[in-house]
N, C-alpha and C. Protein backbone atom coordinates (compact mmCIF):
# COMPACT_ATOMS: atom_id res chain seq x y z
N MET A 1 -10.31 -122.95 99.35
CA MET A 1 -9.79 -122.58 98.08
C MET A 1 -9.21 -121.18 98.20
N SER A 2 -8.13 -120.95 97.53
CA SER A 2 -7.54 -119.61 97.49
C SER A 2 -7.37 -119.17 96.05
N TRP A 3 -6.98 -117.94 95.84
CA TRP A 3 -6.87 -117.43 94.46
C TRP A 3 -5.77 -116.39 94.41
N HIS A 4 -5.33 -116.13 93.19
CA HIS A 4 -4.40 -115.03 92.91
C HIS A 4 -4.62 -114.56 91.47
N TYR A 5 -4.04 -113.44 91.13
CA TYR A 5 -4.08 -112.94 89.79
C TYR A 5 -2.93 -113.59 88.99
N GLN A 6 -3.16 -113.77 87.69
CA GLN A 6 -2.11 -114.33 86.85
C GLN A 6 -2.31 -113.81 85.41
N MET A 7 -1.19 -113.52 84.76
CA MET A 7 -1.25 -113.12 83.33
C MET A 7 -1.58 -114.39 82.54
N ARG A 8 -2.44 -114.20 81.49
CA ARG A 8 -2.84 -115.30 80.62
C ARG A 8 -2.54 -114.92 79.18
N ARG A 9 -2.02 -115.88 78.46
CA ARG A 9 -1.80 -115.67 76.99
C ARG A 9 -2.71 -116.66 76.26
N ARG A 10 -3.44 -116.09 75.31
CA ARG A 10 -4.35 -116.94 74.48
C ARG A 10 -4.00 -116.73 73.02
N THR A 11 -4.21 -117.79 72.28
CA THR A 11 -4.08 -117.69 70.83
C THR A 11 -5.48 -117.53 70.25
N MET A 12 -5.69 -116.44 69.54
CA MET A 12 -6.98 -116.17 68.96
C MET A 12 -7.20 -117.03 67.74
N LEU A 13 -8.41 -117.10 67.23
CA LEU A 13 -8.73 -117.94 66.08
C LEU A 13 -7.93 -117.57 64.85
N ASP A 14 -7.56 -116.28 64.75
CA ASP A 14 -6.76 -115.84 63.60
C ASP A 14 -5.28 -116.05 63.79
N GLY A 15 -4.88 -116.63 64.93
CA GLY A 15 -3.48 -116.93 65.21
C GLY A 15 -2.76 -115.86 65.99
N SER A 16 -3.38 -114.69 66.19
CA SER A 16 -2.75 -113.61 66.96
C SER A 16 -2.78 -113.96 68.45
N LEU A 17 -1.90 -113.35 69.21
CA LEU A 17 -1.82 -113.55 70.64
C LEU A 17 -2.56 -112.46 71.37
N PHE A 18 -3.17 -112.81 72.49
CA PHE A 18 -3.89 -111.85 73.33
C PHE A 18 -3.53 -112.13 74.77
N TYR A 19 -3.22 -111.06 75.50
CA TYR A 19 -2.87 -111.20 76.90
C TYR A 19 -3.89 -110.48 77.79
N ASP A 20 -4.23 -111.06 78.92
CA ASP A 20 -5.08 -110.40 79.92
C ASP A 20 -4.70 -110.94 81.28
N ILE A 21 -5.43 -110.48 82.31
CA ILE A 21 -5.20 -110.93 83.67
C ILE A 21 -6.45 -111.66 84.11
N VAL A 22 -6.25 -112.83 84.71
CA VAL A 22 -7.38 -113.63 85.26
C VAL A 22 -7.17 -113.96 86.70
N GLU A 23 -8.24 -114.36 87.35
CA GLU A 23 -8.12 -114.87 88.72
C GLU A 23 -7.96 -116.39 88.62
N VAL A 24 -6.90 -116.89 89.20
CA VAL A 24 -6.59 -118.33 89.19
C VAL A 24 -6.95 -118.89 90.57
N PHE A 25 -7.74 -119.94 90.58
CA PHE A 25 -8.16 -120.58 91.83
C PHE A 25 -7.32 -121.81 92.08
N THR A 26 -6.84 -121.96 93.33
CA THR A 26 -5.98 -123.03 93.66
C THR A 26 -6.50 -123.78 94.91
N ASP A 27 -6.14 -125.06 94.95
CA ASP A 27 -6.49 -125.89 96.11
C ASP A 27 -5.24 -125.86 97.02
N PRO A 28 -5.32 -125.20 98.16
CA PRO A 28 -4.13 -125.08 99.03
C PRO A 28 -3.66 -126.39 99.60
N ILE A 29 -4.52 -127.35 99.75
CA ILE A 29 -4.12 -128.62 100.32
C ILE A 29 -3.22 -129.40 99.35
N TYR A 30 -3.64 -129.44 98.08
CA TYR A 30 -2.89 -130.18 97.08
C TYR A 30 -1.95 -129.27 96.26
N GLU A 31 -2.00 -127.95 96.53
CA GLU A 31 -1.17 -126.99 95.85
C GLU A 31 -1.22 -127.12 94.34
N ARG A 32 -2.45 -127.11 93.81
CA ARG A 32 -2.61 -127.18 92.37
C ARG A 32 -3.69 -126.23 91.91
N GLN A 33 -3.62 -125.88 90.64
CA GLN A 33 -4.66 -124.98 90.06
C GLN A 33 -5.92 -125.78 89.91
N VAL A 34 -7.02 -125.14 90.26
CA VAL A 34 -8.36 -125.75 90.09
C VAL A 34 -8.97 -125.18 88.82
N GLY A 35 -8.75 -123.94 88.54
CA GLY A 35 -9.35 -123.31 87.37
C GLY A 35 -9.04 -121.81 87.37
N TRP A 36 -9.57 -121.12 86.34
CA TRP A 36 -9.43 -119.69 86.26
C TRP A 36 -10.65 -119.10 85.55
N THR A 37 -10.80 -117.81 85.70
CA THR A 37 -11.94 -117.16 85.08
C THR A 37 -11.76 -117.16 83.58
N VAL A 38 -12.87 -117.34 82.86
CA VAL A 38 -12.83 -117.33 81.43
C VAL A 38 -12.52 -115.92 80.90
N ASP A 39 -13.18 -114.92 81.46
CA ASP A 39 -12.96 -113.52 81.08
C ASP A 39 -11.86 -112.90 81.93
N GLY A 40 -11.12 -112.01 81.35
CA GLY A 40 -10.12 -111.26 82.08
C GLY A 40 -10.80 -110.35 83.11
N VAL A 41 -10.08 -109.96 84.09
CA VAL A 41 -10.63 -109.13 85.19
C VAL A 41 -9.94 -107.79 85.20
N GLY A 42 -10.66 -106.80 85.73
CA GLY A 42 -10.13 -105.48 85.90
C GLY A 42 -10.05 -105.10 87.35
N ALA A 43 -9.32 -104.03 87.65
CA ALA A 43 -9.23 -103.56 89.00
C ALA A 43 -10.55 -102.91 89.45
N ALA A 44 -10.91 -103.10 90.72
CA ALA A 44 -12.17 -102.54 91.23
C ALA A 44 -12.00 -102.25 92.72
N GLY A 45 -12.84 -101.40 93.24
CA GLY A 45 -12.86 -101.12 94.67
C GLY A 45 -13.90 -100.13 94.99
N ASP A 46 -14.06 -99.86 96.28
CA ASP A 46 -15.07 -98.86 96.77
C ASP A 46 -14.54 -97.45 96.81
N SER A 47 -13.27 -97.28 96.51
CA SER A 47 -12.68 -95.94 96.49
C SER A 47 -11.50 -95.94 95.53
N PRO A 48 -11.01 -94.76 95.15
CA PRO A 48 -9.85 -94.73 94.29
C PRO A 48 -8.64 -95.44 94.91
N LEU A 49 -8.46 -95.32 96.21
CA LEU A 49 -7.34 -95.98 96.87
C LEU A 49 -7.46 -97.49 96.81
N GLU A 50 -8.69 -98.05 96.92
CA GLU A 50 -8.88 -99.49 96.79
C GLU A 50 -8.60 -99.98 95.37
N VAL A 51 -8.94 -99.19 94.38
CA VAL A 51 -8.60 -99.54 92.99
C VAL A 51 -7.09 -99.58 92.81
N ILE A 52 -6.41 -98.59 93.38
CA ILE A 52 -4.93 -98.56 93.27
C ILE A 52 -4.34 -99.77 93.98
N ALA A 53 -4.87 -100.12 95.15
CA ALA A 53 -4.38 -101.28 95.88
C ALA A 53 -4.59 -102.56 95.09
N ASP A 54 -5.76 -102.66 94.40
CA ASP A 54 -6.04 -103.83 93.58
C ASP A 54 -5.07 -103.89 92.41
N LEU A 55 -4.78 -102.78 91.80
CA LEU A 55 -3.80 -102.75 90.68
C LEU A 55 -2.43 -103.20 91.19
N ARG A 56 -2.04 -102.78 92.38
CA ARG A 56 -0.76 -103.23 92.92
C ARG A 56 -0.74 -104.73 93.18
N ARG A 57 -1.83 -105.29 93.67
CA ARG A 57 -1.94 -106.73 93.87
C ARG A 57 -1.82 -107.45 92.49
N MET A 58 -2.50 -106.91 91.52
CA MET A 58 -2.40 -107.51 90.17
C MET A 58 -0.97 -107.54 89.65
N LEU A 59 -0.32 -106.40 89.79
CA LEU A 59 1.06 -106.28 89.31
C LEU A 59 1.97 -107.24 90.09
N ALA A 60 1.86 -107.28 91.38
CA ALA A 60 2.70 -108.16 92.22
C ALA A 60 2.47 -109.62 91.85
N ASP A 61 1.21 -110.01 91.69
CA ASP A 61 0.91 -111.41 91.35
C ASP A 61 1.40 -111.78 89.94
N THR A 62 1.26 -110.86 88.97
CA THR A 62 1.68 -111.17 87.60
C THR A 62 3.18 -111.25 87.54
N GLU A 63 3.89 -110.57 88.45
CA GLU A 63 5.35 -110.70 88.49
C GLU A 63 5.78 -111.96 89.19
N ARG A 64 4.96 -112.44 90.11
CA ARG A 64 5.29 -113.61 90.95
C ARG A 64 5.04 -114.94 90.20
N TYR A 65 3.92 -115.03 89.48
CA TYR A 65 3.51 -116.27 88.82
C TYR A 65 3.82 -116.23 87.32
N PRO A 66 4.13 -117.41 86.72
CA PRO A 66 4.39 -117.43 85.27
C PRO A 66 3.14 -117.16 84.44
N THR A 67 3.37 -116.76 83.20
CA THR A 67 2.22 -116.56 82.32
C THR A 67 1.51 -117.86 82.07
N LEU A 68 0.18 -117.82 82.21
CA LEU A 68 -0.67 -119.00 82.00
C LEU A 68 -0.94 -119.17 80.54
N GLU A 69 -0.73 -120.39 80.04
CA GLU A 69 -1.01 -120.67 78.63
C GLU A 69 -2.43 -121.27 78.56
N ASP A 70 -3.30 -120.57 77.87
CA ASP A 70 -4.66 -121.08 77.75
C ASP A 70 -4.88 -121.59 76.33
N PRO A 71 -4.92 -122.92 76.16
CA PRO A 71 -5.05 -123.48 74.80
C PRO A 71 -6.42 -123.32 74.20
N ASP A 72 -7.44 -122.98 74.99
CA ASP A 72 -8.77 -122.86 74.48
C ASP A 72 -8.90 -121.62 73.58
N GLN A 73 -9.75 -121.77 72.61
CA GLN A 73 -10.04 -120.63 71.74
C GLN A 73 -10.99 -119.66 72.47
N PRO A 74 -10.67 -118.43 72.71
CA PRO A 74 -11.47 -117.55 73.54
C PRO A 74 -12.85 -117.26 72.99
N GLU A 75 -13.03 -117.24 71.69
CA GLU A 75 -14.34 -116.93 71.17
C GLU A 75 -15.35 -118.07 71.34
N SER A 76 -14.87 -119.27 71.70
CA SER A 76 -15.79 -120.38 71.84
C SER A 76 -16.06 -120.78 73.25
N GLY A 77 -15.42 -120.12 74.23
CA GLY A 77 -15.62 -120.52 75.63
C GLY A 77 -16.91 -120.01 76.23
N SER A 78 -17.50 -120.80 77.11
CA SER A 78 -18.72 -120.36 77.76
C SER A 78 -18.71 -120.66 79.27
N ARG A 79 -17.64 -121.19 79.76
CA ARG A 79 -17.55 -121.57 81.19
C ARG A 79 -17.17 -120.32 82.03
N SER A 80 -17.64 -120.32 83.26
CA SER A 80 -17.26 -119.18 84.12
C SER A 80 -15.91 -119.39 84.77
N ILE A 81 -15.57 -120.66 85.06
CA ILE A 81 -14.26 -120.97 85.62
C ILE A 81 -13.75 -122.20 84.91
N LYS A 82 -12.58 -122.07 84.27
CA LYS A 82 -12.01 -123.16 83.52
C LYS A 82 -11.66 -124.30 84.46
N GLY A 83 -12.03 -125.52 84.11
CA GLY A 83 -11.62 -126.67 84.87
C GLY A 83 -12.57 -127.02 85.97
N VAL A 84 -13.59 -126.21 86.23
CA VAL A 84 -14.57 -126.47 87.27
C VAL A 84 -15.90 -126.78 86.59
N PRO A 85 -16.46 -127.95 86.80
CA PRO A 85 -17.70 -128.37 86.10
C PRO A 85 -18.87 -127.47 86.52
């Protein structure tokens, strides 16, 4: 399994839109999405340079992949990875 960052758009219960970045997991053999993290992710690393590198990866991936439409209501979700039992 491989993964990348992707921008996600969700519709909140009040109808407003919310954007964040998630990790999307893919099956490289079948080239399809397996799932994504329920919660958005932030940049992290063991040093300031690693955090900057992570931010650059996030930006590159969000420019490469289309915005993910998440039809689920975010306040009601409890799964750690969407689509994975």
